[in-house]
Amino acid sequence: MQAVSDGPKLEIQMLHDRVLVRLSPEEGERRSSGGIVIPATAQVARRLAWGDVLGVGNSVRNVKIGDRVLFNPEDQLEVEIQGEGHLVMRERDIHAVATERTEHGTGLYL
């Protein structure tokens, strides 16, 4: 009997309006614009997170592989792929996209 992990490698294809995102590494402590150090353990308000898009379904219109997206990580489903945690979400759960190809951006940059 052959174990599942010994079989052929299968490529992951996202379906419909789903997006596969890898969370950006946490930055630890941060600095406010006034220079105040905010420790990583400080609880502020619910915080949105940035992540990198690794896959998109065929119904996704505004997000491409390689984009950085802003979303609420608490409302998403987590999956482990090759020992790393990734999130699966609907395109409508993404609040913003940071990309080089903007048509009507905010004028703000990462």
C-alpha atoms as a PDB file:
ATOM      1  CA  MET A   1       0.000   0.000   0.000  1.00  0.00           C
ATOM      2  CA  GLN A   2       1.429   3.375  -1.035  1.00  0.00           C
ATOM      3  CA  ALA A   3       1.139   6.383   1.297  1.00  0.00           C
ATOM      4  CA  VAL A   4      -0.614   9.474  -0.028  1.00  0.00           C
ATOM      5  CA  SER A   5       2.527  11.626   0.337  1.00  0.00           C
ATOM      6  CA  ASP A   6       4.502   9.211  -1.884  1.00  0.00           C
ATOM      7  CA  GLY A   7       2.177   9.726  -4.863  1.00  0.00           C
ATOM      8  CA  PRO A   8       2.534  12.192  -7.721  1.00  0.00           C
ATOM      9  CA  LYS A   9       2.566  15.888  -6.861  1.00  0.00           C
ATOM     10  CA  LEU A  10      -0.738  17.556  -7.654  1.00  0.00           C
ATOM     11  CA  GLU A  11      -1.018  21.184  -8.741  1.00  0.00           C
ATOM     12  CA  ILE A  12      -3.559  23.260  -6.832  1.00  0.00           C
ATOM     13  CA  GLN A  13      -6.086  25.107  -8.980  1.00  0.00           C
ATOM     14  CA  MET A  14      -8.408  27.571  -7.264  1.00  0.00           C
ATOM     15  CA  LEU A  15     -12.056  27.474  -8.311  1.00  0.00           C
ATOM     16  CA  HIS A  16     -14.697  30.139  -8.953  1.00  0.00           C
ATOM     17  CA  ASP A  17     -14.100  33.357  -6.958  1.00  0.00           C
ATOM     18  CA  ARG A  18     -11.571  31.889  -4.505  1.00  0.00           C
ATOM     19  CA  VAL A  19      -8.135  33.369  -3.826  1.00  0.00           C
ATOM     20  CA  LEU A  20      -5.187  31.573  -2.170  1.00  0.00           C
ATOM     21  CA  VAL A  21      -3.088  33.938  -0.019  1.00  0.00           C
ATOM     22  CA  ARG A  22       0.132  33.501   1.951  1.00  0.00           C
ATOM     23  CA  LEU A  23       0.261  35.786   4.986  1.00  0.00           C
ATOM     24  CA  SER A  24       3.137  38.238   5.024  1.00  0.00           C
ATOM     25  CA  PRO A  25       5.508  37.585   7.941  1.00  0.00           C
ATOM     26  CA  GLU A  26       4.641  39.535  11.076  1.00  0.00           C
ATOM     27  CA  GLU A  27       6.816  42.558  11.587  1.00  0.00           C
ATOM     28  CA  GLY A  28       6.959  42.202  15.386  1.00  0.00           C
ATOM     29  CA  GLU A  29       7.116  45.577  17.060  1.00  0.00           C
ATOM     30  CA  ARG A  30       6.119  48.620  15.039  1.00  0.00           C
ATOM     31  CA  ARG A  31       6.710  52.355  15.259  1.00  0.00           C
ATOM     32  CA  SER A  32       3.978  54.943  15.093  1.00  0.00           C
ATOM     33  CA  SER A  33       4.405  57.947  12.814  1.00  0.00           C
ATOM     34  CA  GLY A  34       5.454  59.923  15.912  1.00  0.00           C
ATOM     35  CA  GLY A  35       8.249  57.436  16.709  1.00  0.00           C
ATOM     36  CA  ILE A  36       6.537  55.599  19.586  1.00  0.00           C
ATOM     37  CA  VAL A  37       7.471  51.890  19.714  1.00  0.00           C
ATOM     38  CA  ILE A  38       4.398  49.624  19.744  1.00  0.00           C
ATOM     39  CA  PRO A  39       5.266  46.094  20.977  1.00  0.00           C
ATOM     40  CA  ALA A  40       4.043  43.078  18.995  1.00  0.00           C
ATOM     41  CA  THR A  41       1.970  41.976  22.017  1.00  0.00           C
ATOM     42  CA  ALA A  42      -0.027  45.235  22.150  1.00  0.00           C
ATOM     43  CA  GLN A  43      -3.701  44.762  21.399  1.00  0.00           C
ATOM     44  CA  VAL A  44      -4.997  47.565  19.249  1.00  0.00           C
ATOM     45  CA  ALA A  45      -8.265  47.353  17.329  1.00  0.00           C
ATOM     46  CA  ARG A  46      -8.963  44.439  15.017  1.00  0.00           C
ATOM     47  CA  ARG A  47      -6.178  44.632  12.510  1.00  0.00           C
ATOM     48  CA  LEU A  48      -6.241  43.920   8.781  1.00  0.00           C
ATOM     49  CA  ALA A  49      -3.301  42.003   7.306  1.00  0.00           C
ATOM     50  CA  TRP A  50      -1.335  42.009   4.044  1.00  0.00           C
ATOM     51  CA  GLY A  51      -0.706  38.818   2.115  1.00  0.00           C
ATOM     52  CA  ASP A  52       0.652  37.633  -1.229  1.00  0.00           C
ATOM     53  CA  VAL A  53      -1.708  36.067  -3.794  1.00  0.00           C
ATOM     54  CA  LEU A  54      -0.523  32.605  -4.870  1.00  0.00           C
ATOM     55  CA  GLY A  55      -3.573  31.473  -6.849  1.00  0.00           C
ATOM     56  CA  VAL A  56      -6.907  32.744  -8.175  1.00  0.00           C
ATOM     57  CA  GLY A  57     -10.031  31.073  -9.489  1.00  0.00           C
ATOM     58  CA  ASN A  58     -11.398  31.622 -12.995  1.00  0.00           C
ATOM     59  CA  SER A  59     -14.113  34.047 -11.780  1.00  0.00           C
ATOM     60  CA  VAL A  60     -11.689  36.408 -10.007  1.00  0.00           C
ATOM     61  CA  ARG A  61     -11.560  39.716 -11.905  1.00  0.00           C
ATOM     62  CA  ASN A  62      -9.536  42.292  -9.949  1.00  0.00           C
ATOM     63  CA  VAL A  63      -6.737  40.280  -8.332  1.00  0.00           C
ATOM     64  CA  LYS A  64      -3.790  38.578 -10.052  1.00  0.00           C
ATOM     65  CA  ILE A  65      -1.141  36.153  -8.860  1.00  0.00           C
ATOM     66  CA  GLY A  66       1.690  38.150  -7.293  1.00  0.00           C
ATOM     67  CA  ASP A  67      -0.497  41.005  -5.999  1.00  0.00           C
ATOM     68  CA  ARG A  68      -0.398  41.988  -2.320  1.00  0.00           C
ATOM     69  CA  VAL A  69      -3.865  42.140  -0.799  1.00  0.00           C
ATOM     70  CA  LEU A  70      -5.355  43.613   2.383  1.00  0.00           C
ATOM     71  CA  PHE A  71      -7.943  41.517   4.241  1.00  0.00           C
ATOM     72  CA  ASN A  72      -9.257  40.489   7.663  1.00  0.00           C
ATOM     73  CA  PRO A  73      -7.383  37.275   8.569  1.00  0.00           C
ATOM     74  CA  GLU A  74      -9.836  36.390  11.351  1.00  0.00           C
ATOM     75  CA  ASP A  75     -12.680  35.735   8.899  1.00  0.00           C
ATOM     76  CA  GLN A  76     -10.776  33.386   6.555  1.00  0.00           C
ATOM     77  CA  LEU A  77     -10.261  29.648   6.231  1.00  0.00           C
ATOM     78  CA  GLU A  78      -6.736  28.333   6.794  1.00  0.00           C
ATOM     79  CA  VAL A  79      -5.110  25.445   4.953  1.00  0.00           C
ATOM     80  CA  GLU A  80      -1.644  23.933   5.313  1.00  0.00           C
ATOM     81  CA  ILE A  81       0.316  23.390   2.083  1.00  0.00           C
ATOM     82  CA  GLN A  82       3.832  21.919   2.245  1.00  0.00           C
ATOM     83  CA  GLY A  83       4.047  22.751   5.954  1.00  0.00           C
ATOM     84  CA  GLU A  84       3.093  26.443   5.520  1.00  0.00           C
ATOM     85  CA  GLY A  85      -0.172  28.081   6.517  1.00  0.00           C
ATOM     86  CA  HIS A  86      -2.191  29.708   3.720  1.00  0.00           C
ATOM     87  CA  LEU A  87      -5.627  31.318   3.626  1.00  0.00           C
ATOM     88  CA  VAL A  88      -8.485  30.689   1.204  1.00  0.00           C
ATOM     89  CA  MET A  89     -10.978  33.513   0.738  1.00  0.00           C
ATOM     90  CA  ARG A  90     -13.492  34.937  -1.684  1.00  0.00           C
ATOM     91  CA  GLU A  91     -12.441  37.879  -3.831  1.00  0.00           C
ATOM     92  CA  ARG A  92     -15.142  40.022  -2.200  1.00  0.00           C
ATOM     93  CA  ASP A  93     -13.379  39.612   1.192  1.00  0.00           C
ATOM     94  CA  ILE A  94     -10.334  41.532  -0.078  1.00  0.00           C
ATOM     95  CA  HIS A  95     -10.324  45.203   0.944  1.00  0.00           C
ATOM     96  CA  ALA A  96      -7.443  46.511  -1.193  1.00  0.00           C
ATOM     97  CA  VAL A  97      -4.838  45.426  -3.746  1.00  0.00           C
ATOM     98  CA  ALA A  98      -1.249  46.731  -3.869  1.00  0.00           C
ATOM     99  CA  THR A  99       0.064  46.277  -7.381  1.00  0.00           C
ATOM    100  CA  GLU A 100       2.233  48.028  -9.940  1.00  0.00           C
ATOM    101  CA  ARG A 101      -0.571  48.116 -12.518  1.00  0.00           C
ATOM    102  CA  THR A 102      -3.083  50.628 -11.137  1.00  0.00           C
ATOM    103  CA  GLU A 103      -5.664  52.534 -13.119  1.00  0.00           C
ATOM    104  CA  HIS A 104      -7.228  54.496 -10.279  1.00  0.00           C
ATOM    105  CA  GLY A 105      -5.219  54.223  -7.086  1.00  0.00           C
ATOM    106  CA  THR A 106      -5.094  56.177  -3.839  1.00  0.00           C
ATOM    107  CA  GLY A 107      -1.712  57.837  -4.350  1.00  0.00           C
ATOM    108  CA  LEU A 108      -0.377  55.854  -1.370  1.00  0.00           C
ATOM    109  CA  TYR A 109       2.390  53.273  -1.735  1.00  0.00           C
ATOM    110  CA  LEU A 110       3.706  50.386   0.356  1.00  0.00           C
END
